[in-house]
Amino acid sequence: MENIKATNTEATSILDISSGEIVFSVPIRGFEFRKSLMKKHFNENYMDSEKFPKSTFKGKISGYRMDDGIYQAIATGEMNI
């Protein structure tokens, strides 16, 4: 077995602090893996990123607080992957 880890720095988000509404979009092909074969399998075999190029979330944040410089929050909404 092998650890599989990826990062994605191409996500975009909008937060309306007054209402707590939040939306974000993550391009699936933006995930970077340690090995190029992992990325190929992720996009072709698991995510079908050609047909479904992005993941989105639209919802609302409630009960957020900051603790030691880290924000913690509860978000409810709809996520599409």
N, C-alpha and C. Protein backbone atom coordinates (compact mmCIF):
# COMPACT_ATOMS: atom_id res chain seq x y z
N MET A 1 0.84 -1.18 0.00
CA MET A 1 0.00 0.00 0.00
C MET A 1 0.88 1.25 0.00
N GLU A 2 0.30 2.30 -0.52
CA GLU A 2 1.03 3.54 -0.67
C GLU A 2 0.15 4.71 -0.23
N ASN A 3 0.75 5.67 0.47
CA ASN A 3 0.01 6.87 0.84
C ASN A 3 -0.24 7.71 -0.40
N ILE A 4 -1.45 8.19 -0.52
CA ILE A 4 -1.80 9.05 -1.66
C ILE A 4 -2.21 10.40 -1.09
N LYS A 5 -1.49 11.42 -1.51
CA LYS A 5 -1.74 12.77 -1.02
C LYS A 5 -1.63 13.72 -2.20
N ALA A 6 -2.52 14.71 -2.24
CA ALA A 6 -2.50 15.70 -3.32
C ALA A 6 -2.79 17.07 -2.74
N THR A 7 -2.32 18.08 -3.43
CA THR A 7 -2.62 19.47 -3.07
C THR A 7 -3.20 20.17 -4.29
N ASN A 8 -3.98 21.22 -4.02
CA ASN A 8 -4.57 22.00 -5.09
C ASN A 8 -4.57 23.46 -4.66
N THR A 9 -3.84 24.28 -5.38
CA THR A 9 -3.75 25.71 -5.05
C THR A 9 -4.56 26.58 -6.02
N GLU A 10 -5.44 25.95 -6.79
CA GLU A 10 -6.19 26.68 -7.80
C GLU A 10 -7.65 26.93 -7.42
N ALA A 11 -8.02 26.64 -6.19
CA ALA A 11 -9.40 26.85 -5.75
C ALA A 11 -9.70 28.34 -5.63
N THR A 12 -10.96 28.69 -5.87
CA THR A 12 -11.41 30.07 -5.67
C THR A 12 -12.62 30.06 -4.76
N SER A 13 -12.76 31.12 -3.98
CA SER A 13 -13.85 31.17 -3.01
C SER A 13 -14.32 32.60 -2.81
N ILE A 14 -15.60 32.72 -2.46
CA ILE A 14 -16.18 34.02 -2.10
C ILE A 14 -16.95 33.81 -0.80
N LEU A 15 -16.72 34.69 0.17
CA LEU A 15 -17.40 34.64 1.46
C LEU A 15 -18.04 36.00 1.74
N ASP A 16 -19.34 36.00 1.99
CA ASP A 16 -20.05 37.21 2.40
C ASP A 16 -20.14 37.16 3.92
N ILE A 17 -19.30 37.92 4.59
CA ILE A 17 -19.23 37.86 6.05
C ILE A 17 -20.54 38.29 6.70
N SER A 18 -21.26 39.23 6.10
CA SER A 18 -22.49 39.71 6.72
C SER A 18 -23.59 38.65 6.74
N SER A 19 -23.63 37.81 5.71
CA SER A 19 -24.69 36.78 5.65
C SER A 19 -24.17 35.38 5.98
N GLY A 20 -22.86 35.18 5.92
CA GLY A 20 -22.29 33.86 6.14
C GLY A 20 -22.32 32.98 4.91
N GLU A 21 -22.79 33.50 3.78
CA GLU A 21 -22.86 32.71 2.55
C GLU A 21 -21.45 32.52 1.98
N ILE A 22 -21.19 31.29 1.51
CA ILE A 22 -19.89 30.97 0.94
C ILE A 22 -20.07 30.10 -0.29
N VAL A 23 -19.24 30.33 -1.28
CA VAL A 23 -19.19 29.47 -2.47
C VAL A 23 -17.72 29.23 -2.78
N PHE A 24 -17.41 28.04 -3.29
CA PHE A 24 -16.07 27.81 -3.78
C PHE A 24 -16.09 26.84 -4.95
N SER A 25 -15.05 26.92 -5.73
CA SER A 25 -14.89 26.07 -6.91
C SER A 25 -13.46 25.54 -6.92
N VAL A 26 -13.33 24.24 -7.19
CA VAL A 26 -12.01 23.60 -7.21
C VAL A 26 -11.86 22.86 -8.54
N PRO A 27 -10.88 23.26 -9.37
CA PRO A 27 -10.66 22.52 -10.61
C PRO A 27 -10.04 21.15 -10.30
N ILE A 28 -10.66 20.10 -10.77
CA ILE A 28 -10.20 18.75 -10.46
C ILE A 28 -8.80 18.49 -11.01
N ARG A 29 -8.51 18.97 -12.19
CA ARG A 29 -7.18 18.76 -12.78
C ARG A 29 -6.09 19.56 -12.06
N GLY A 30 -6.48 20.43 -11.12
CA GLY A 30 -5.51 21.22 -10.37
C GLY A 30 -4.84 20.46 -9.24
N PHE A 31 -5.29 19.24 -8.95
CA PHE A 31 -4.67 18.46 -7.88
C PHE A 31 -3.31 17.95 -8.35
N GLU A 32 -2.28 18.18 -7.54
CA GLU A 32 -0.92 17.74 -7.84
C GLU A 32 -0.54 16.61 -6.90
N PHE A 33 -0.03 15.54 -7.47
CA PHE A 33 0.37 14.35 -6.74
C PHE A 33 1.89 14.19 -6.80
N ARG A 34 2.41 13.37 -5.91
CA ARG A 34 3.84 13.10 -5.86
C ARG A 34 4.31 12.40 -7.14
N LYS A 35 3.45 11.54 -7.69
CA LYS A 35 3.79 10.79 -8.90
C LYS A 35 2.79 11.14 -10.01
N SER A 36 3.31 11.30 -11.21
CA SER A 36 2.44 11.67 -12.34
C SER A 36 1.41 10.57 -12.64
N LEU A 37 1.77 9.32 -12.39
CA LEU A 37 0.82 8.23 -12.64
C LEU A 37 -0.37 8.31 -11.70
N MET A 38 -0.14 8.76 -10.47
CA MET A 38 -1.26 8.95 -9.52
C MET A 38 -2.23 9.99 -10.06
N LYS A 39 -1.69 11.08 -10.59
CA LYS A 39 -2.54 12.14 -11.15
C LYS A 39 -3.33 11.61 -12.34
N LYS A 40 -2.69 10.85 -13.19
CA LYS A 40 -3.36 10.27 -14.36
C LYS A 40 -4.50 9.36 -13.93
N HIS A 41 -4.26 8.46 -12.98
CA HIS A 41 -5.30 7.56 -12.49
C HIS A 41 -6.43 8.33 -11.82
N PHE A 42 -6.09 9.33 -11.02
CA PHE A 42 -7.09 10.15 -10.33
C PHE A 42 -8.03 10.81 -11.34
N ASN A 43 -7.45 11.44 -12.37
CA ASN A 43 -8.26 12.17 -13.34
C ASN A 43 -9.03 11.26 -14.30
N GLU A 44 -8.41 10.16 -14.72
CA GLU A 44 -9.05 9.30 -15.72
C GLU A 44 -9.93 8.21 -15.11
N ASN A 45 -9.45 7.56 -14.07
CA ASN A 45 -10.16 6.39 -13.53
C ASN A 45 -11.14 6.71 -12.41
N TYR A 46 -10.85 7.72 -11.62
CA TYR A 46 -11.68 7.99 -10.45
C TYR A 46 -12.59 9.21 -10.60
N MET A 47 -12.06 10.31 -11.08
CA MET A 47 -12.84 11.55 -11.13
C MET A 47 -13.45 11.87 -12.48
N ASP A 48 -13.00 11.22 -13.54
CA ASP A 48 -13.48 11.51 -14.89
C ASP A 48 -13.49 13.03 -15.11
N SER A 49 -12.33 13.64 -14.87
CA SER A 49 -12.24 15.10 -14.85
C SER A 49 -12.45 15.75 -16.22
N GLU A 50 -12.39 14.98 -17.28
CA GLU A 50 -12.72 15.56 -18.58
C GLU A 50 -14.21 15.87 -18.66
N LYS A 51 -15.02 14.97 -18.12
CA LYS A 51 -16.47 15.15 -18.11
C LYS A 51 -16.93 16.05 -16.96
N PHE A 52 -16.25 15.96 -15.81
CA PHE A 52 -16.60 16.73 -14.62
C PHE A 52 -15.37 17.52 -14.17
N PRO A 53 -15.12 18.70 -14.76
CA PRO A 53 -13.87 19.42 -14.54
C PRO A 53 -13.72 20.16 -13.22
N LYS A 54 -14.81 20.32 -12.47
CA LYS A 54 -14.66 21.07 -11.21
C LYS A 54 -15.60 20.55 -10.14
N SER A 55 -15.25 20.86 -8.92
CA SER A 55 -16.08 20.58 -7.77
C SER A 55 -16.52 21.93 -7.21
N THR A 56 -17.77 22.01 -6.74
CA THR A 56 -18.27 23.28 -6.21
C THR A 56 -18.96 23.07 -4.87
N PHE A 57 -19.00 24.11 -4.08
CA PHE A 57 -19.74 24.12 -2.82
C PHE A 57 -20.46 25.45 -2.73
N LYS A 58 -21.72 25.41 -2.32
CA LYS A 58 -22.49 26.63 -2.07
C LYS A 58 -23.24 26.41 -0.77
N GLY A 59 -23.03 27.29 0.18
CA GLY A 59 -23.68 27.10 1.46
C GLY A 59 -23.55 28.30 2.37
N LYS A 60 -23.65 28.00 3.64
CA LYS A 60 -23.63 29.05 4.65
C LYS A 60 -22.78 28.60 5.83
N ILE A 61 -22.01 29.53 6.36
CA ILE A 61 -21.17 29.27 7.52
C ILE A 61 -21.88 29.78 8.76
N SER A 62 -21.84 28.97 9.81
CA SER A 62 -22.41 29.40 11.09
C SER A 62 -21.48 28.95 12.21
N GLY A 63 -21.57 29.58 13.33
CA GLY A 63 -20.82 29.17 14.50
C GLY A 63 -19.32 29.22 14.34
N TYR A 64 -18.80 30.21 13.61
CA TYR A 64 -17.36 30.25 13.45
C TYR A 64 -16.70 30.99 14.61
N ARG A 65 -15.46 30.58 14.89
CA ARG A 65 -14.68 31.21 15.94
C ARG A 65 -13.20 31.08 15.61
N MET A 66 -12.40 31.94 16.23
CA MET A 66 -10.97 31.87 16.03
C MET A 66 -10.32 31.37 17.31
N ASP A 67 -9.40 30.42 17.18
CA ASP A 67 -8.69 29.87 18.32
C ASP A 67 -7.21 29.77 17.95
N ASP A 68 -6.37 30.53 18.62
CA ASP A 68 -4.93 30.54 18.33
C ASP A 68 -4.63 30.85 16.87
N GLY A 69 -5.36 31.79 16.29
CA GLY A 69 -5.13 32.21 14.92
C GLY A 69 -5.73 31.28 13.86
N ILE A 70 -6.44 30.26 14.29
CA ILE A 70 -7.07 29.31 13.36
C ILE A 70 -8.57 29.48 13.45
N TYR A 71 -9.20 29.68 12.30
CA TYR A 71 -10.66 29.80 12.27
C TYR A 71 -11.29 28.42 12.17
N GLN A 72 -12.29 28.20 12.99
CA GLN A 72 -13.07 26.97 12.94
C GLN A 72 -14.51 27.34 12.69
N ALA A 73 -15.16 26.57 11.82
CA ALA A 73 -16.53 26.92 11.45
C ALA A 73 -17.32 25.67 11.07
N ILE A 74 -18.63 25.84 11.07
CA ILE A 74 -19.53 24.81 10.58
C ILE A 74 -20.14 25.36 9.30
N ALA A 75 -20.06 24.58 8.23
CA ALA A 75 -20.64 24.99 6.96
C ALA A 75 -21.69 23.96 6.55
N THR A 76 -22.84 24.44 6.16
CA THR A 76 -23.89 23.56 5.63
C THR A 76 -24.22 24.05 4.24
N GLY A 77 -24.47 23.11 3.35
CA GLY A 77 -24.78 23.50 1.99
C GLY A 77 -24.73 22.29 1.07
N GLU A 78 -24.50 22.57 -0.20
CA GLU A 78 -24.47 21.52 -1.20
C GLU A 78 -23.10 21.50 -1.88
N MET A 79 -22.50 20.32 -1.89
CA MET A 79 -21.22 20.13 -2.56
C MET A 79 -21.42 19.18 -3.73
N ASN A 80 -20.90 19.58 -4.87
CA ASN A 80 -20.97 18.74 -6.07
C ASN A 80 -19.56 18.34 -6.47
N ILE A 81 -19.36 17.06 -6.61
CA ILE A 81 -18.06 16.55 -7.05
C ILE A 81 -18.31 15.68 -8.26
